[in-house]
Amino acid sequence: LPQTNPGFNNAPFKFTKYSNAYMLVYIRESDKDRIICNVDEKDIAEHLRQTILNAFKTPNELIEMAHAYYADFALPKLVADFGSLELSPVD
């Protein structure tokens, strides 16, 4: 029988466009100033910055974004897919 490691996936890792990694690190209080640095906005990836900014939008701003998305992307796609809105699943 081949050796197996329960809970270990031998499938090759598939890289995606974005990957996140998390690690728990303990730092001595005496080393904190030497190790920890300030993070500027330019140090944060654009897709994460947008996610953070969207988390602080008001409900009205989110509704406006949804309406704009519908008008700019969803509605034209429905018309393109169905040829008109008469046979589409929306009224």
PDB file of N, CA and C in Angstrom:
ATOM      1  N   LEU A   1       0.833  -1.200   0.000  1.00  0.00           N
ATOM      2  CA  LEU A   1       0.000   0.000   0.000  1.00  0.00           C
ATOM      3  C   LEU A   1       0.874   1.259   0.000  1.00  0.00           C
ATOM      4  N   PRO A   2       0.512   2.220  -0.823  1.00  0.00           N
ATOM      5  CA  PRO A   2       1.289   3.460  -0.799  1.00  0.00           C
ATOM      6  C   PRO A   2       1.033   4.217   0.501  1.00  0.00           C
ATOM      7  N   GLN A   3       2.046   4.947   0.932  1.00  0.00           N
ATOM      8  CA  GLN A   3       1.870   5.738   2.143  1.00  0.00           C
ATOM      9  C   GLN A   3       0.897   6.875   1.864  1.00  0.00           C
ATOM     10  N   THR A   4       0.029   7.089   2.802  1.00  0.00           N
ATOM     11  CA  THR A   4      -0.910   8.201   2.666  1.00  0.00           C
ATOM     12  C   THR A   4      -0.813   9.072   3.894  1.00  0.00           C
ATOM     13  N   ASN A   5      -1.154  10.283   3.720  1.00  0.00           N
ATOM     14  CA  ASN A   5      -1.167  11.236   4.814  1.00  0.00           C
ATOM     15  C   ASN A   5      -2.584  11.765   4.909  1.00  0.00           C
ATOM     16  N   PRO A   6      -3.397  11.250   5.838  1.00  0.00           N
ATOM     17  CA  PRO A   6      -4.787  11.701   5.932  1.00  0.00           C
ATOM     18  C   PRO A   6      -4.869  13.218   6.106  1.00  0.00           C
ATOM     19  N   GLY A   7      -5.743  13.821   5.367  1.00  0.00           N
ATOM     20  CA  GLY A   7      -5.923  15.268   5.454  1.00  0.00           C
ATOM     21  C   GLY A   7      -4.974  16.057   4.575  1.00  0.00           C
ATOM     22  N   PHE A   8      -4.043  15.373   3.910  1.00  0.00           N
ATOM     23  CA  PHE A   8      -3.100  16.067   3.034  1.00  0.00           C
ATOM     24  C   PHE A   8      -3.500  15.832   1.589  1.00  0.00           C
ATOM     25  N   ASN A   9      -3.646  16.889   0.849  1.00  0.00           N
ATOM     26  CA  ASN A   9      -4.046  16.803  -0.547  1.00  0.00           C
ATOM     27  C   ASN A   9      -2.786  16.788  -1.412  1.00  0.00           C
ATOM     28  N   ASN A  10      -2.581  15.711  -2.150  1.00  0.00           N
ATOM     29  CA  ASN A  10      -1.393  15.599  -3.002  1.00  0.00           C
ATOM     30  C   ASN A  10      -1.575  16.255  -4.368  1.00  0.00           C
ATOM     31  N   ALA A  11      -2.744  16.809  -4.632  1.00  0.00           N
ATOM     32  CA  ALA A  11      -2.983  17.452  -5.925  1.00  0.00           C
ATOM     33  C   ALA A  11      -2.055  18.654  -6.063  1.00  0.00           C
ATOM     34  N   PRO A  12      -1.564  18.919  -7.273  1.00  0.00           N
ATOM     35  CA  PRO A  12      -0.674  20.071  -7.454  1.00  0.00           C
ATOM     36  C   PRO A  12      -1.410  21.373  -7.159  1.00  0.00           C
ATOM     37  N   PHE A  13      -0.669  22.322  -6.620  1.00  0.00           N
ATOM     38  CA  PHE A  13      -1.243  23.618  -6.275  1.00  0.00           C
ATOM     39  C   PHE A  13      -1.544  24.398  -7.545  1.00  0.00           C
ATOM     40  N   LYS A  14      -2.740  24.965  -7.638  1.00  0.00           N
ATOM     41  CA  LYS A  14      -3.125  25.771  -8.792  1.00  0.00           C
ATOM     42  C   LYS A  14      -3.029  27.240  -8.395  1.00  0.00           C
ATOM     43  N   PHE A  15      -2.155  27.962  -9.077  1.00  0.00           N
ATOM     44  CA  PHE A  15      -1.992  29.371  -8.776  1.00  0.00           C
ATOM     45  C   PHE A  15      -3.167  30.158  -9.341  1.00  0.00           C
ATOM     46  N   THR A  16      -3.613  31.122  -8.593  1.00  0.00           N
ATOM     47  CA  THR A  16      -4.664  32.020  -9.049  1.00  0.00           C
ATOM     48  C   THR A  16      -4.058  33.409  -9.212  1.00  0.00           C
ATOM     49  N   LYS A  17      -4.843  34.304  -9.764  1.00  0.00           N
ATOM     50  CA  LYS A  17      -4.348  35.657  -9.976  1.00  0.00           C
ATOM     51  C   LYS A  17      -3.996  36.314  -8.636  1.00  0.00           C
ATOM     52  N   TYR A  18      -4.832  36.078  -7.632  1.00  0.00           N
ATOM     53  CA  TYR A  18      -4.591  36.638  -6.309  1.00  0.00           C
ATOM     54  C   TYR A  18      -4.524  35.505  -5.303  1.00  0.00           C
ATOM     55  N   SER A  19      -3.546  35.541  -4.455  1.00  0.00           N
ATOM     56  CA  SER A  19      -3.436  34.570  -3.377  1.00  0.00           C
ATOM     57  C   SER A  19      -3.212  35.335  -2.085  1.00  0.00           C
ATOM     58  N   ASN A  20      -3.752  34.832  -1.016  1.00  0.00           N
ATOM     59  CA  ASN A  20      -3.554  35.426   0.297  1.00  0.00           C
ATOM     60  C   ASN A  20      -2.969  34.369   1.214  1.00  0.00           C
ATOM     61  N   ALA A  21      -2.073  34.778   2.065  1.00  0.00           N
ATOM     62  CA  ALA A  21      -1.489  33.859   3.031  1.00  0.00           C
ATOM     63  C   ALA A  21      -1.547  34.520   4.404  1.00  0.00           C
ATOM     64  N   TYR A  22      -1.834  33.732   5.400  1.00  0.00           N
ATOM     65  CA  TYR A  22      -1.918  34.226   6.764  1.00  0.00           C
ATOM     66  C   TYR A  22      -0.970  33.412   7.626  1.00  0.00           C
ATOM     67  N   MET A  23      -0.304  34.089   8.549  1.00  0.00           N
ATOM     68  CA  MET A  23       0.616  33.401   9.429  1.00  0.00           C
ATOM     69  C   MET A  23       0.573  34.096  10.788  1.00  0.00           C
ATOM     70  N   LEU A  24       0.534  33.307  11.839  1.00  0.00           N
ATOM     71  CA  LEU A  24       0.585  33.852  13.190  1.00  0.00           C
ATOM     72  C   LEU A  24       2.042  34.018  13.573  1.00  0.00           C
ATOM     73  N   VAL A  25       2.404  35.227  13.984  1.00  0.00           N
ATOM     74  CA  VAL A  25       3.789  35.517  14.338  1.00  0.00           C
ATOM     75  C   VAL A  25       3.805  36.164  15.710  1.00  0.00           C
ATOM     76  N   TYR A  26       4.669  35.679  16.554  1.00  0.00           N
ATOM     77  CA  TYR A  26       4.866  36.285  17.867  1.00  0.00           C
ATOM     78  C   TYR A  26       6.101  37.172  17.803  1.00  0.00           C
ATOM     79  N   ILE A  27       5.970  38.393  18.343  1.00  0.00           N
ATOM     80  CA  ILE A  27       7.079  39.347  18.330  1.00  0.00           C
ATOM     81  C   ILE A  27       7.320  39.816  19.756  1.00  0.00           C
ATOM     82  N   ARG A  28       8.571  39.815  20.145  1.00  0.00           N
ATOM     83  CA  ARG A  28       8.915  40.323  21.474  1.00  0.00           C
ATOM     84  C   ARG A  28       8.615  41.816  21.522  1.00  0.00           C
ATOM     85  N   GLU A  29       8.109  42.261  22.662  1.00  0.00           N
ATOM     86  CA  GLU A  29       7.842  43.690  22.841  1.00  0.00           C
ATOM     87  C   GLU A  29       9.099  44.513  22.560  1.00  0.00           C
ATOM     88  N   SER A  30      10.240  44.015  22.980  1.00  0.00           N
ATOM     89  CA  SER A  30      11.487  44.766  22.798  1.00  0.00           C
ATOM     90  C   SER A  30      11.887  44.883  21.322  1.00  0.00           C
ATOM     91  N   ASP A  31      11.396  43.982  20.461  1.00  0.00           N
ATOM     92  CA  ASP A  31      11.738  44.012  19.031  1.00  0.00           C
ATOM     93  C   ASP A  31      10.666  44.680  18.167  1.00  0.00           C
ATOM     94  N   LYS A  32       9.563  45.067  18.793  1.00  0.00           N
ATOM     95  CA  LYS A  32       8.419  45.564  18.027  1.00  0.00           C
ATOM     96  C   LYS A  32       8.771  46.764  17.140  1.00  0.00           C
ATOM     97  N   ASP A  33       9.451  47.748  17.670  1.00  0.00           N
ATOM     98  CA  ASP A  33       9.775  48.948  16.886  1.00  0.00           C
ATOM     99  C   ASP A  33      10.719  48.641  15.729  1.00  0.00           C
ATOM    100  N   ARG A  34      11.547  47.623  15.878  1.00  0.00           N
ATOM    101  CA  ARG A  34      12.506  47.262  14.840  1.00  0.00           C
ATOM    102  C   ARG A  34      11.844  46.448  13.723  1.00  0.00           C
ATOM    103  N   ILE A  35      10.764  45.698  14.041  1.00  0.00           N
ATOM    104  CA  ILE A  35      10.153  44.773  13.083  1.00  0.00           C
ATOM    105  C   ILE A  35       8.906  45.347  12.418  1.00  0.00           C
ATOM    106  N   ILE A  36       8.033  45.952  13.206  1.00  0.00           N
ATOM    107  CA  ILE A  36       6.760  46.466  12.688  1.00  0.00           C
ATOM    108  C   ILE A  36       6.995  47.810  11.997  1.00  0.00           C
ATOM    109  N   CYS A  37       6.390  47.985  10.819  1.00  0.00           N
ATOM    110  CA  CYS A  37       6.517  49.250  10.103  1.00  0.00           C
ATOM    111  C   CYS A  37       5.127  49.759   9.725  1.00  0.00           C
ATOM    112  N   ASN A  38       5.056  51.019   9.388  1.00  0.00           N
ATOM    113  CA  ASN A  38       3.796  51.606   8.946  1.00  0.00           C
ATOM    114  C   ASN A  38       3.485  51.149   7.526  1.00  0.00           C
ATOM    115  N   VAL A  39       2.205  51.028   7.226  1.00  0.00           N
ATOM    116  CA  VAL A  39       1.768  50.619   5.893  1.00  0.00           C
ATOM    117  C   VAL A  39       1.080  51.803   5.237  1.00  0.00           C
ATOM    118  N   ASP A  40       1.579  52.187   4.068  1.00  0.00           N
ATOM    119  CA  ASP A  40       0.949  53.259   3.300  1.00  0.00           C
ATOM    120  C   ASP A  40      -0.121  52.670   2.398  1.00  0.00           C
ATOM    121  N   GLU A  41      -0.975  53.536   1.876  1.00  0.00           N
ATOM    122  CA  GLU A  41      -2.034  53.081   0.972  1.00  0.00           C
ATOM    123  C   GLU A  41      -1.453  52.406  -0.268  1.00  0.00           C
ATOM    124  N   LYS A  42      -0.309  52.867  -0.737  1.00  0.00           N
ATOM    125  CA  LYS A  42       0.313  52.280  -1.930  1.00  0.00           C
ATOM    126  C   LYS A  42       0.829  50.864  -1.683  1.00  0.00           C
ATOM    127  N   ASP A  43       0.966  50.472  -0.414  1.00  0.00           N
ATOM    128  CA  ASP A  43       1.432  49.124  -0.078  1.00  0.00           C
ATOM    129  C   ASP A  43       0.316  48.086  -0.150  1.00  0.00           C
ATOM    130  N   ILE A  44      -0.934  48.533  -0.269  1.00  0.00           N
ATOM    131  CA  ILE A  44      -2.088  47.631  -0.293  1.00  0.00           C
ATOM    132  C   ILE A  44      -2.500  47.412  -1.744  1.00  0.00           C
ATOM    133  N   ALA A  45      -2.695  46.161  -2.131  1.00  0.00           N
ATOM    134  CA  ALA A  45      -3.102  45.834  -3.502  1.00  0.00           C
ATOM    135  C   ALA A  45      -4.421  46.529  -3.839  1.00  0.00           C
ATOM    136  N   GLU A  46      -4.562  46.935  -5.096  1.00  0.00           N
ATOM    137  CA  GLU A  46      -5.738  47.699  -5.530  1.00  0.00           C
ATOM    138  C   GLU A  46      -7.038  46.966  -5.244  1.00  0.00           C
ATOM    139  N   HIS A  47      -7.110  45.651  -5.520  1.00  0.00           N
ATOM    140  CA  HIS A  47      -8.365  44.927  -5.304  1.00  0.00           C
ATOM    141  C   HIS A  47      -8.721  44.873  -3.820  1.00  0.00           C
ATOM    142  N   LEU A  48      -7.733  44.838  -2.931  1.00  0.00           N
ATOM    143  CA  LEU A  48      -8.017  44.866  -1.493  1.00  0.00           C
ATOM    144  C   LEU A  48      -8.441  46.263  -1.050  1.00  0.00           C
ATOM    145  N   ARG A  49      -7.804  47.276  -1.629  1.00  0.00           N
ATOM    146  CA  ARG A  49      -8.171  48.653  -1.294  1.00  0.00           C
ATOM    147  C   ARG A  49      -9.629  48.921  -1.667  1.00  0.00           C
ATOM    148  N   GLN A  50     -10.059  48.445  -2.846  1.00  0.00           N
ATOM    149  CA  GLN A  50     -11.448  48.633  -3.265  1.00  0.00           C
ATOM    150  C   GLN A  50     -12.408  47.884  -2.343  1.00  0.00           C
ATOM    151  N   THR A  51     -12.032  46.682  -1.918  1.00  0.00           N
ATOM    152  CA  THR A  51     -12.872  45.918  -0.994  1.00  0.00           C
ATOM    153  C   THR A  51     -13.036  46.666   0.319  1.00  0.00           C
ATOM    154  N   ILE A  52     -11.950  47.230   0.814  1.00  0.00           N
ATOM    155  CA  ILE A  52     -11.998  47.987   2.066  1.00  0.00           C
ATOM    156  C   ILE A  52     -12.861  49.231   1.896  1.00  0.00           C
ATOM    157  N   LEU A  53     -12.681  49.954   0.790  1.00  0.00           N
ATOM    158  CA  LEU A  53     -13.476  51.164   0.560  1.00  0.00           C
ATOM    159  C   LEU A  53     -14.957  50.845   0.427  1.00  0.00           C
ATOM    160  N   ASN A  54     -15.302  49.739  -0.245  1.00  0.00           N
ATOM    161  CA  ASN A  54     -16.706  49.366  -0.405  1.00  0.00           C
ATOM    162  C   ASN A  54     -17.345  48.986   0.923  1.00  0.00           C
ATOM    163  N   ALA A  55     -16.548  48.513   1.864  1.00  0.00           N
ATOM    164  CA  ALA A  55     -17.084  48.124   3.166  1.00  0.00           C
ATOM    165  C   ALA A  55     -17.585  49.337   3.944  1.00  0.00           C
ATOM    166  N   PHE A  56     -17.102  50.534   3.596  1.00  0.00           N
ATOM    167  CA  PHE A  56     -17.478  51.736   4.326  1.00  0.00           C
ATOM    168  C   PHE A  56     -18.450  52.623   3.555  1.00  0.00           C
ATOM    169  N   LYS A  57     -19.066  52.101   2.517  1.00  0.00           N
ATOM    170  CA  LYS A  57     -20.047  52.878   1.754  1.00  0.00           C
ATOM    171  C   LYS A  57     -21.388  52.873   2.485  1.00  0.00           C
ATOM    172  N   THR A  58     -22.141  53.957   2.304  1.00  0.00           N
ATOM    173  CA  THR A  58     -23.468  54.042   2.910  1.00  0.00           C
ATOM    174  C   THR A  58     -24.437  53.179   2.104  1.00  0.00           C
ATOM    175  N   PRO A  59     -25.565  52.811   2.704  1.00  0.00           N
ATOM    176  CA  PRO A  59     -26.562  52.032   1.948  1.00  0.00           C
ATOM    177  C   PRO A  59     -26.989  52.723   0.652  1.00  0.00           C
ATOM    178  N   ASN A  60     -27.158  54.044   0.675  1.00  0.00           N
ATOM    179  CA  ASN A  60     -27.554  54.762  -0.544  1.00  0.00           C
ATOM    180  C   ASN A  60     -26.477  54.675  -1.623  1.00  0.00           C
ATOM    181  N   GLU A  61     -25.208  54.759  -1.226  1.00  0.00           N
ATOM    182  CA  GLU A  61     -24.123  54.620  -2.201  1.00  0.00           C
ATOM    183  C   GLU A  61     -24.112  53.217  -2.807  1.00  0.00           C
ATOM    184  N   LEU A  62     -24.355  52.201  -1.979  1.00  0.00           N
ATOM    185  CA  LEU A  62     -24.389  50.825  -2.478  1.00  0.00           C
ATOM    186  C   LEU A  62     -25.553  50.617  -3.440  1.00  0.00           C
ATOM    187  N   ILE A  63     -26.706  51.224  -3.144  1.00  0.00           N
ATOM    188  CA  ILE A  63     -27.871  51.120  -4.034  1.00  0.00           C
ATOM    189  C   ILE A  63     -27.565  51.799  -5.364  1.00  0.00           C
ATOM    190  N   GLU A  64     -26.928  52.976  -5.311  1.00  0.00           N
ATOM    191  CA  GLU A  64     -26.546  53.670  -6.547  1.00  0.00           C
ATOM    192  C   GLU A  64     -25.572  52.824  -7.365  1.00  0.00           C
ATOM    193  N   MET A  65     -24.627  52.158  -6.694  1.00  0.00           N
ATOM    194  CA  MET A  65     -23.681  51.288  -7.401  1.00  0.00           C
ATOM    195  C   MET A  65     -24.415  50.129  -8.066  1.00  0.00           C
ATOM    196  N   ALA A  66     -25.400  49.560  -7.375  1.00  0.00           N
ATOM    197  CA  ALA A  66     -26.162  48.442  -7.934  1.00  0.00           C
ATOM    198  C   ALA A  66     -26.961  48.895  -9.151  1.00  0.00           C
ATOM    199  N   HIS A  67     -27.583  50.064  -9.075  1.00  0.00           N
ATOM    200  CA  HIS A  67     -28.350  50.593 -10.210  1.00  0.00           C
ATOM    201  C   HIS A  67     -27.431  50.866 -11.396  1.00  0.00           C
ATOM    202  N   ALA A  68     -26.259  51.433 -11.119  1.00  0.00           N
ATOM    203  CA  ALA A  68     -25.308  51.720 -12.195  1.00  0.00           C
ATOM    204  C   ALA A  68     -24.829  50.424 -12.842  1.00  0.00           C
ATOM    205  N   TYR A  69     -24.574  49.399 -12.035  1.00  0.00           N
ATOM    206  CA  TYR A  69     -24.144  48.108 -12.580  1.00  0.00           C
ATOM    207  C   TYR A  69     -25.241  47.523 -13.464  1.00  0.00           C
ATOM    208  N   TYR A  70     -26.473  47.584 -12.997  1.00  0.00           N
ATOM    209  CA  TYR A  70     -27.594  47.049 -13.777  1.00  0.00           C
ATOM    210  C   TYR A  70     -27.708  47.778 -15.115  1.00  0.00           C
ATOM    211  N   ALA A  71     -27.647  49.115 -15.073  1.00  0.00           N
ATOM    212  CA  ALA A  71     -27.806  49.905 -16.298  1.00  0.00           C
ATOM    213  C   ALA A  71     -26.631  49.718 -17.261  1.00  0.00           C
ATOM    214  N   ASP A  72     -25.426  49.612 -16.725  1.00  0.00           N
ATOM    215  CA  ASP A  72     -24.230  49.557 -17.577  1.00  0.00           C
ATOM    216  C   ASP A  72     -23.870  48.155 -18.053  1.00  0.00           C
ATOM    217  N   PHE A  73     -24.170  47.126 -17.250  1.00  0.00           N
ATOM    218  CA  PHE A  73     -23.710  45.777 -17.591  1.00  0.00           C
ATOM    219  C   PHE A  73     -24.834  44.753 -17.703  1.00  0.00           C
ATOM    220  N   ALA A  74     -25.677  44.664 -16.678  1.00  0.00           N
ATOM    221  CA  ALA A  74     -26.677  43.593 -16.637  1.00  0.00           C
ATOM    222  C   ALA A  74     -27.740  43.765 -17.720  1.00  0.00           C
ATOM    223  N   LEU A  75     -28.299  44.945 -17.853  1.00  0.00           N
ATOM    224  CA  LEU A  75     -29.349  45.173 -18.844  1.00  0.00           C
ATOM    225  C   LEU A  75     -28.838  44.966 -20.274  1.00  0.00           C
ATOM    226  N   PRO A  76     -27.695  45.550 -20.651  1.00  0.00           N
ATOM    227  CA  PRO A  76     -27.190  45.275 -22.008  1.00  0.00           C
ATOM    228  C   PRO A  76     -26.912  43.786 -22.251  1.00  0.00           C
ATOM    229  N   LYS A  77     -26.457  43.066 -21.229  1.00  0.00           N
ATOM    230  CA  LYS A  77     -26.208  41.633 -21.402  1.00  0.00           C
ATOM    231  C   LYS A  77     -27.520  40.886 -21.616  1.00  0.00           C
ATOM    232  N   LEU A  78     -28.569  41.248 -20.874  1.00  0.00           N
ATOM    233  CA  LEU A  78     -29.873  40.609 -21.077  1.00  0.00           C
ATOM    234  C   LEU A  78     -30.374  40.833 -22.500  1.00  0.00           C
ATOM    235  N   VAL A  79     -30.254  42.059 -22.975  1.00  0.00           N
ATOM    236  CA  VAL A  79     -30.709  42.372 -24.332  1.00  0.00           C
ATOM    237  C   VAL A  79     -29.882  41.592 -25.349  1.00  0.00           C
ATOM    238  N   ALA A  80     -28.572  41.519 -25.132  1.00  0.00           N
ATOM    239  CA  ALA A  80     -27.709  40.784 -26.062  1.00  0.00           C
ATOM    240  C   ALA A  80     -28.011  39.292 -26.033  1.00  0.00           C
ATOM    241  N   ASP A  81     -28.254  38.736 -24.854  1.00  0.00           N
ATOM    242  CA  ASP A  81     -28.496  37.294 -24.726  1.00  0.00           C
ATOM    243  C   ASP A  81     -29.857  36.882 -25.280  1.00  0.00           C
ATOM    244  N   PHE A  82     -30.873  37.720 -25.076  1.00  0.00           N
ATOM    245  CA  PHE A  82     -32.232  37.340 -25.458  1.00  0.00           C
ATOM    246  C   PHE A  82     -32.746  38.074 -26.695  1.00  0.00           C
ATOM    247  N   GLY A  83     -31.998  39.035 -27.194  1.00  0.00           N
ATOM    248  CA  GLY A  83     -32.429  39.781 -28.364  1.00  0.00           C
ATOM    249  C   GLY A  83     -33.392  40.900 -28.027  1.00  0.00           C
ATOM    250  N   SER A  84     -34.020  40.820 -26.893  1.00  0.00           N
ATOM    251  CA  SER A  84     -34.906  41.876 -26.399  1.00  0.00           C
ATOM    252  C   SER A  84     -35.201  41.560 -24.944  1.00  0.00           C
ATOM    253  N   LEU A  85     -35.987  42.408 -24.313  1.00  0.00           N
ATOM    254  CA  LEU A  85     -36.379  42.142 -22.930  1.00  0.00           C
ATOM    255  C   LEU A  85     -37.697  41.380 -22.853  1.00  0.00           C
ATOM    256  N   GLU A  86     -38.356  41.142 -23.991  1.00  0.00           N
ATOM    257  CA  GLU A  86     -39.663  40.480 -23.968  1.00  0.00           C
ATOM    258  C   GLU A  86     -39.584  39.046 -23.475  1.00  0.00           C
ATOM    259  N   LEU A  87     -38.528  38.318 -23.814  1.00  0.00           N
ATOM    260  CA  LEU A  87     -38.404  36.924 -23.408  1.00  0.00           C
ATOM    261  C   LEU A  87     -37.430  36.732 -22.251  1.00  0.00           C
ATOM    262  N   SER A  88     -36.953  37.822 -21.681  1.00  0.00           N
ATOM    263  CA  SER A  88     -35.983  37.704 -20.595  1.00  0.00           C
ATOM    264  C   SER A  88     -36.701  37.379 -19.288  1.00  0.00           C
ATOM    265  N   PRO A  89     -35.968  36.888 -18.295  1.00  0.00           N
ATOM    266  CA  PRO A  89     -36.588  36.514 -17.025  1.00  0.00           C
ATOM    267  C   PRO A  89     -36.927  37.698 -16.131  1.00  0.00           C
ATOM    268  N   VAL A  90     -36.726  38.929 -16.594  1.00  0.00           N
ATOM    269  CA  VAL A  90     -37.070  40.103 -15.785  1.00  0.00           C
ATOM    270  C   VAL A  90     -38.158  40.897 -16.483  1.00  0.00           C
ATOM    271  N   ASP A  91     -38.882  41.651 -15.720  1.00  0.00           N
ATOM    272  CA  ASP A  91     -39.940  42.510 -16.285  1.00  0.00           C
ATOM    273  C   ASP A  91     -39.441  43.920 -16.442  1.00  0.00           C
TER     274      ASP A  91
END
